Amino acid sequence: MTLLKSYYQLCKPNVVYMMLICAFVGMLLAEESVTSFGYLMVALLGIALCAASAAAINQVIDRNTDASMTRTDQRPLPQGELSVSHASLFALVVGILGALVLYLYVNTLTMVLTLASLVGYAFIYTVYLKRATPQNIVIGGLAGAAPPLLGWSAVTNTIDPYALLLVLIIFVWTPPHFWALAIHRKDEYAKESIPMLPVTHGIVFTKLQIVLYTIILFIVSLLPYVVLMSGEIYFFSALILSTIFLYYSIKLYQGKGDEYAMKTFQFSIYYIFLIFLALLIDHYLITNQ
């Protein structure tokens, strides 16, 4: 049981669950009514396996850094619960299984997009971008923003502009979400010489960037209504949620040190879930009437 739990934690389950929720939203928005829940579950399984593989690869590569940071030192590899070879083999096997599920039972496009997301996060971001530039989370955020597109393509076998708009929302949301946490963990990143924005440019500059990105997110979040993808329920939900997010970012900017950093980070998680929930409610209650 302990070994199974270690492999489970190697998959970063909370991150994978969040990705699956976003992918599921993309699936539901891609069609007027659900035609086959069984098919959607199979597609989610393939995406989940590839996401778990990416998470495991990330932990294998970052095992030494994880061991020295409070946020990550309890992970299976730093704790010695799993060997590097076993973790690597696990990542390879579940990644291949995920790709096969998508190829055999979903479609080739979704498999290619999912594998591209895996490579982007597990290798391009983890190996290179994370330690190369303070804009790491901005550039690398594209891989993390892909789930709605993966879900949409699983249903339609196309890259739809509406799906790309969902990707854009997550892409713009990621920097203020992550930088708020990075402010709180600034000393740990500095200790490992990881060039997160608070380390390279200071907390005040990072706070300003959070405010600016939140303003951009405010605008982007209204685009589904502007392009007639959604209706009034989504519009007012996005308006309220984005206003609250902007309030937190401004309070963070005005506060001293990392005061409000974790509150901003925690609300940002609620924000992305609730704004996607609003899209779904609007889709089924208004758009399809």
Protein backbone atom coordinates (compact mmCIF):
# COMPACT_ATOMS: atom_id res chain seq x y z
CA MET A 1 0.00 0.00 0.00
CA THR A 2 2.85 2.40 0.86
CA LEU A 3 4.52 1.66 -2.50
CA LEU A 4 1.28 2.31 -4.39
CA LYS A 5 0.87 5.59 -2.51
CA SER A 6 4.40 6.60 -3.52
CA TYR A 7 3.68 5.96 -7.20
CA TYR A 8 0.39 7.83 -6.80
CA GLN A 9 2.21 10.86 -5.35
CA LEU A 10 4.76 10.63 -8.16
CA CYS A 11 1.91 11.49 -10.53
CA LYS A 12 1.22 14.85 -8.80
CA PRO A 13 -2.46 13.89 -8.46
CA ASN A 14 -3.74 17.36 -7.56
CA VAL A 15 -2.17 18.85 -10.68
CA VAL A 16 -3.46 15.99 -12.85
CA TYR A 17 -6.99 16.34 -11.42
CA MET A 18 -6.96 20.03 -12.23
CA MET A 19 -5.82 19.28 -15.79
CA LEU A 20 -8.55 16.66 -16.19
CA ILE A 21 -11.24 19.05 -15.01
CA CYS A 22 -10.11 21.61 -17.59
CA ALA A 23 -9.97 18.91 -20.29
CA PHE A 24 -13.45 17.70 -19.31
CA VAL A 25 -14.80 21.23 -19.60
CA GLY A 26 -13.31 21.42 -23.09
CA MET A 27 -15.07 18.16 -23.96
CA LEU A 28 -18.45 19.31 -22.70
CA LEU A 29 -18.21 22.69 -24.41
CA ALA A 30 -17.27 21.05 -27.71
CA GLU A 31 -20.68 19.43 -28.17
CA GLU A 32 -24.26 20.51 -27.58
CA SER A 33 -25.06 17.42 -25.54
CA VAL A 34 -23.02 14.53 -24.20
CA THR A 35 -23.16 11.66 -26.70
CA SER A 36 -21.05 9.10 -24.84
CA PHE A 37 -19.72 9.42 -21.32
CA GLY A 38 -17.81 6.19 -21.86
CA TYR A 39 -15.86 7.73 -24.72
CA LEU A 40 -15.11 10.85 -22.69
CA MET A 41 -13.83 8.72 -19.79
CA VAL A 42 -11.51 6.80 -22.12
CA ALA A 43 -10.16 10.07 -23.53
CA LEU A 44 -9.64 11.42 -20.01
CA LEU A 45 -7.82 8.22 -19.07
CA GLY A 46 -5.36 8.67 -21.94
CA ILE A 47 -4.79 12.32 -21.06
CA ALA A 48 -4.41 11.44 -17.36
CA LEU A 49 -1.79 8.78 -18.04
CA CYS A 50 0.28 11.18 -20.18
CA ALA A 51 -0.07 13.91 -17.54
CA ALA A 52 1.05 11.46 -14.85
CA SER A 53 4.05 10.55 -16.99
CA ALA A 54 5.00 14.22 -17.36
CA ALA A 55 4.68 14.73 -13.59
CA ALA A 56 6.88 11.72 -12.87
CA ILE A 57 9.54 12.86 -15.35
CA ASN A 58 9.48 16.30 -13.73
CA GLN A 59 10.10 14.78 -10.30
CA VAL A 60 12.91 12.57 -11.58
CA ILE A 61 14.69 15.56 -13.13
CA ASP A 62 14.04 17.88 -10.18
CA ARG A 63 14.64 15.33 -7.39
CA ASN A 64 17.67 17.15 -5.92
CA THR A 65 15.95 20.52 -6.01
CA ASP A 66 12.79 19.02 -4.51
CA ALA A 67 14.81 17.61 -1.61
CA SER A 68 15.93 21.07 -0.53
CA MET A 69 12.57 22.85 -0.72
CA THR A 70 9.95 22.69 2.03
CA ARG A 71 7.10 22.55 -0.50
CA THR A 72 8.49 19.44 -2.21
CA ASP A 73 10.82 17.63 0.19
CA GLN A 74 8.15 15.07 1.12
CA ARG A 75 7.83 13.77 -2.43
CA PRO A 76 8.65 10.06 -3.02
CA LEU A 77 12.11 10.52 -4.56
CA PRO A 78 13.55 12.93 -1.95
CA GLN A 79 12.16 10.63 0.75
CA GLY A 80 13.85 7.60 -0.82
CA GLU A 81 10.53 5.78 -1.24
CA LEU A 82 11.24 5.15 -4.94
CA SER A 83 14.46 4.77 -6.89
CA VAL A 84 15.23 6.95 -9.89
CA SER A 85 15.22 3.91 -12.19
CA HIS A 86 11.80 2.73 -10.97
CA ALA A 87 10.32 6.21 -11.24
CA SER A 88 11.74 6.62 -14.75
CA LEU A 89 10.39 3.24 -15.85
CA PHE A 90 6.99 4.11 -14.40
CA ALA A 91 6.96 7.40 -16.32
CA LEU A 92 7.86 5.62 -19.56
CA VAL A 93 5.23 2.91 -19.16
CA VAL A 94 2.30 5.17 -18.23
CA GLY A 95 3.28 7.65 -20.95
CA ILE A 96 3.26 4.91 -23.61
CA LEU A 97 -0.02 3.53 -22.29
CA GLY A 98 -1.60 6.98 -22.38
CA ALA A 99 -0.44 7.59 -25.95
CA LEU A 100 -1.76 4.17 -27.04
CA VAL A 101 -5.16 4.80 -25.45
CA LEU A 102 -5.47 8.11 -27.27
CA TYR A 103 -4.23 6.69 -30.58
CA LEU A 104 -6.36 3.54 -30.55
CA TYR A 105 -9.57 4.80 -28.96
CA VAL A 106 -9.67 8.59 -29.42
CA ASN A 107 -7.83 10.18 -32.35
CA THR A 108 -4.33 10.89 -33.57
CA LEU A 109 -4.64 14.67 -33.20
CA THR A 110 -5.38 14.41 -29.49
CA MET A 111 -2.49 12.00 -29.02
CA VAL A 112 -0.08 14.37 -30.79
CA LEU A 113 -1.28 17.42 -28.84
CA THR A 114 -1.10 15.54 -25.53
CA LEU A 115 2.41 14.27 -26.21
CA ALA A 116 3.47 17.78 -27.25
CA SER A 117 2.16 19.05 -23.92
CA LEU A 118 4.06 16.27 -22.11
CA VAL A 119 7.32 17.14 -23.85
CA GLY A 120 6.75 20.85 -23.27
CA TYR A 121 6.31 20.47 -19.52
CA ALA A 122 8.54 17.50 -18.69
CA PHE A 123 11.51 18.44 -20.83
CA ILE A 124 11.41 21.95 -22.34
CA TYR A 125 10.17 23.62 -19.15
CA THR A 126 11.75 21.39 -16.50
CA VAL A 127 15.13 20.86 -18.15
CA TYR A 128 15.67 24.22 -19.85
CA LEU A 129 13.21 27.05 -19.25
CA LYS A 130 12.89 26.69 -15.48
CA ARG A 131 16.57 27.54 -15.00
CA ALA A 132 17.13 29.68 -18.09
CA THR A 133 14.86 32.71 -17.71
CA PRO A 134 12.63 34.48 -15.17
CA GLN A 135 9.93 34.28 -17.86
CA ASN A 136 10.00 30.49 -17.46
CA ILE A 137 6.45 30.21 -16.19
CA VAL A 138 5.14 32.47 -18.97
CA ILE A 139 6.76 30.57 -21.82
CA GLY A 140 6.33 27.15 -20.25
CA GLY A 141 2.76 27.93 -19.26
CA LEU A 142 1.55 27.01 -22.73
CA ALA A 143 1.95 23.31 -21.96
CA GLY A 144 -0.06 23.66 -18.77
CA ALA A 145 -2.76 25.60 -20.61
CA ALA A 146 -3.38 22.82 -23.15
CA PRO A 147 -5.99 20.61 -21.35
CA PRO A 148 -9.15 22.35 -22.69
CA LEU A 149 -7.75 21.98 -26.22
CA LEU A 150 -7.00 18.31 -25.58
CA GLY A 151 -10.56 17.73 -24.40
CA TRP A 152 -12.05 19.66 -27.30
CA SER A 153 -9.94 17.85 -29.90
CA ALA A 154 -10.86 14.49 -28.35
CA VAL A 155 -14.50 15.21 -29.20
CA THR A 156 -14.19 17.05 -32.52
CA ASN A 157 -10.80 15.92 -33.88
CA THR A 158 -10.11 19.58 -34.71
CA ILE A 159 -8.25 22.57 -33.28
CA ASP A 160 -11.17 24.93 -32.75
CA PRO A 161 -10.78 28.72 -32.17
CA TYR A 162 -13.06 28.47 -29.13
CA ALA A 163 -10.78 25.82 -27.64
CA LEU A 164 -7.79 28.09 -28.23
CA LEU A 165 -9.64 30.84 -26.36
CA LEU A 166 -9.91 28.53 -23.34
CA VAL A 167 -6.18 27.87 -23.64
CA LEU A 168 -5.58 31.63 -23.71
CA ILE A 169 -7.51 32.11 -20.46
CA ILE A 170 -5.37 29.52 -18.63
CA PHE A 171 -2.19 30.81 -20.29
CA VAL A 172 -2.78 34.37 -19.02
CA TRP A 173 -3.98 33.10 -15.62
CA THR A 174 -0.84 31.03 -14.99
CA PRO A 175 1.72 33.83 -14.32
CA PRO A 176 -0.24 35.70 -11.61
CA HIS A 177 -1.28 32.35 -10.12
CA PHE A 178 2.26 30.97 -9.91
CA TRP A 179 4.11 34.21 -9.16
CA ALA A 180 1.99 34.74 -6.05
CA LEU A 181 3.28 31.39 -4.79
CA ALA A 182 6.81 32.22 -5.97
CA ILE A 183 6.79 35.38 -3.83
CA HIS A 184 5.93 33.25 -0.80
CA ARG A 185 8.68 30.75 -1.69
CA LYS A 186 11.24 33.30 -2.89
CA ASP A 187 14.01 32.28 -0.48
CA GLU A 188 13.78 28.61 -1.42
CA TYR A 189 14.04 29.39 -5.14
CA ALA A 190 16.97 31.71 -4.47
CA LYS A 191 18.72 28.98 -2.47
CA GLU A 192 18.52 26.66 -5.50
CA SER A 193 19.49 29.43 -7.95
CA ILE A 194 16.22 29.02 -9.84
CA PRO A 195 15.58 32.35 -11.63
CA MET A 196 11.96 32.85 -10.65
CA LEU A 197 10.84 36.44 -11.16
CA PRO A 198 10.84 37.40 -7.43
CA VAL A 199 14.46 36.18 -7.20
CA THR A 200 15.78 37.97 -10.30
CA HIS A 201 13.70 41.16 -10.29
CA GLY A 202 12.50 41.47 -6.70
CA ILE A 203 9.16 41.19 -4.98
CA VAL A 204 7.89 44.68 -5.85
CA PHE A 205 8.45 44.15 -9.58
CA THR A 206 6.79 40.73 -9.41
CA LYS A 207 3.78 42.21 -7.64
CA LEU A 208 3.45 44.78 -10.41
CA GLN A 209 3.57 42.03 -13.02
CA ILE A 210 0.85 40.15 -11.16
CA VAL A 211 -1.38 43.22 -11.28
CA LEU A 212 -0.70 43.77 -14.98
CA TYR A 213 -1.36 40.13 -15.88
CA THR A 214 -4.54 40.15 -13.81
CA ILE A 215 -5.75 43.17 -15.79
CA ILE A 216 -5.00 41.31 -19.02
CA LEU A 217 -6.82 38.28 -17.62
CA PHE A 218 -9.80 40.50 -16.80
CA ILE A 219 -10.03 41.45 -20.49
CA VAL A 220 -9.33 37.97 -21.84
CA SER A 221 -11.91 36.39 -19.53
CA LEU A 222 -14.65 38.46 -21.20
CA LEU A 223 -13.75 37.33 -24.72
CA PRO A 224 -16.00 34.23 -24.70
CA TYR A 225 -18.95 36.60 -24.31
CA VAL A 226 -17.59 39.06 -26.88
CA VAL A 227 -17.22 36.35 -29.56
CA LEU A 228 -20.67 34.91 -28.70
CA MET A 229 -19.26 31.69 -27.30
CA SER A 230 -21.17 32.28 -24.07
CA GLY A 231 -24.02 34.38 -22.69
CA GLU A 232 -24.92 36.59 -19.76
CA ILE A 233 -24.41 34.00 -17.02
CA TYR A 234 -20.78 33.62 -17.99
CA PHE A 235 -20.31 37.34 -18.61
CA PHE A 236 -21.40 38.40 -15.13
CA SER A 237 -19.58 35.48 -13.49
CA ALA A 238 -16.33 36.41 -15.26
CA LEU A 239 -16.85 40.06 -14.38
CA ILE A 240 -17.28 39.31 -10.67
CA LEU A 241 -14.51 36.70 -10.43
CA SER A 242 -11.99 38.81 -12.34
CA THR A 243 -12.81 41.84 -10.19
CA ILE A 244 -12.13 39.81 -7.04
CA PHE A 245 -8.88 38.45 -8.50
CA LEU A 246 -7.80 42.00 -9.38
CA TYR A 247 -8.69 43.12 -5.84
CA TYR A 248 -6.40 40.44 -4.37
CA SER A 249 -3.57 41.32 -6.74
CA ILE A 250 -3.82 45.01 -5.85
CA LYS A 251 -3.88 44.19 -2.13
CA LEU A 252 -0.79 42.04 -2.70
CA TYR A 253 0.92 44.91 -4.50
CA GLN A 254 0.08 47.37 -1.72
CA GLY A 255 1.03 45.02 1.12
CA LYS A 256 4.44 44.50 2.65
CA GLY A 257 6.59 41.53 1.67
CA ASP A 258 4.61 38.39 0.93
CA GLU A 259 1.52 39.55 2.76
CA TYR A 260 -1.51 38.48 0.68
CA ALA A 261 0.70 36.25 -1.50
CA MET A 262 -0.90 32.98 -0.39
CA LYS A 263 -4.38 34.50 -0.28
CA THR A 264 -3.93 35.60 -3.90
CA PHE A 265 -2.56 32.19 -4.85
CA GLN A 266 -5.42 30.36 -3.15
CA PHE A 267 -8.09 32.54 -4.74
CA SER A 268 -6.49 32.05 -8.15
CA ILE A 269 -7.22 28.31 -7.84
CA TYR A 270 -10.88 29.00 -7.03
CA TYR A 271 -10.95 31.48 -9.89
CA ILE A 272 -10.02 29.05 -12.66
CA PHE A 273 -12.43 26.38 -11.40
CA LEU A 274 -15.33 28.79 -11.01
CA ILE A 275 -14.84 30.55 -14.33
CA PHE A 276 -14.85 27.21 -16.14
CA LEU A 277 -17.91 26.14 -14.14
CA ALA A 278 -19.62 29.35 -15.25
CA LEU A 279 -18.81 28.48 -18.86
CA LEU A 280 -20.46 25.08 -18.44
CA ILE A 281 -23.56 26.42 -16.70
CA ASP A 282 -23.95 29.09 -19.34
CA HIS A 283 -23.41 26.53 -22.13
CA TYR A 284 -26.14 24.18 -20.94
CA LEU A 285 -28.65 26.68 -19.56
CA ILE A 286 -28.42 29.56 -22.04
CA THR A 287 -26.43 28.84 -25.20
CA ASN A 288 -28.26 25.62 -26.05
CA GLN A 289 -31.78 26.87 -25.40
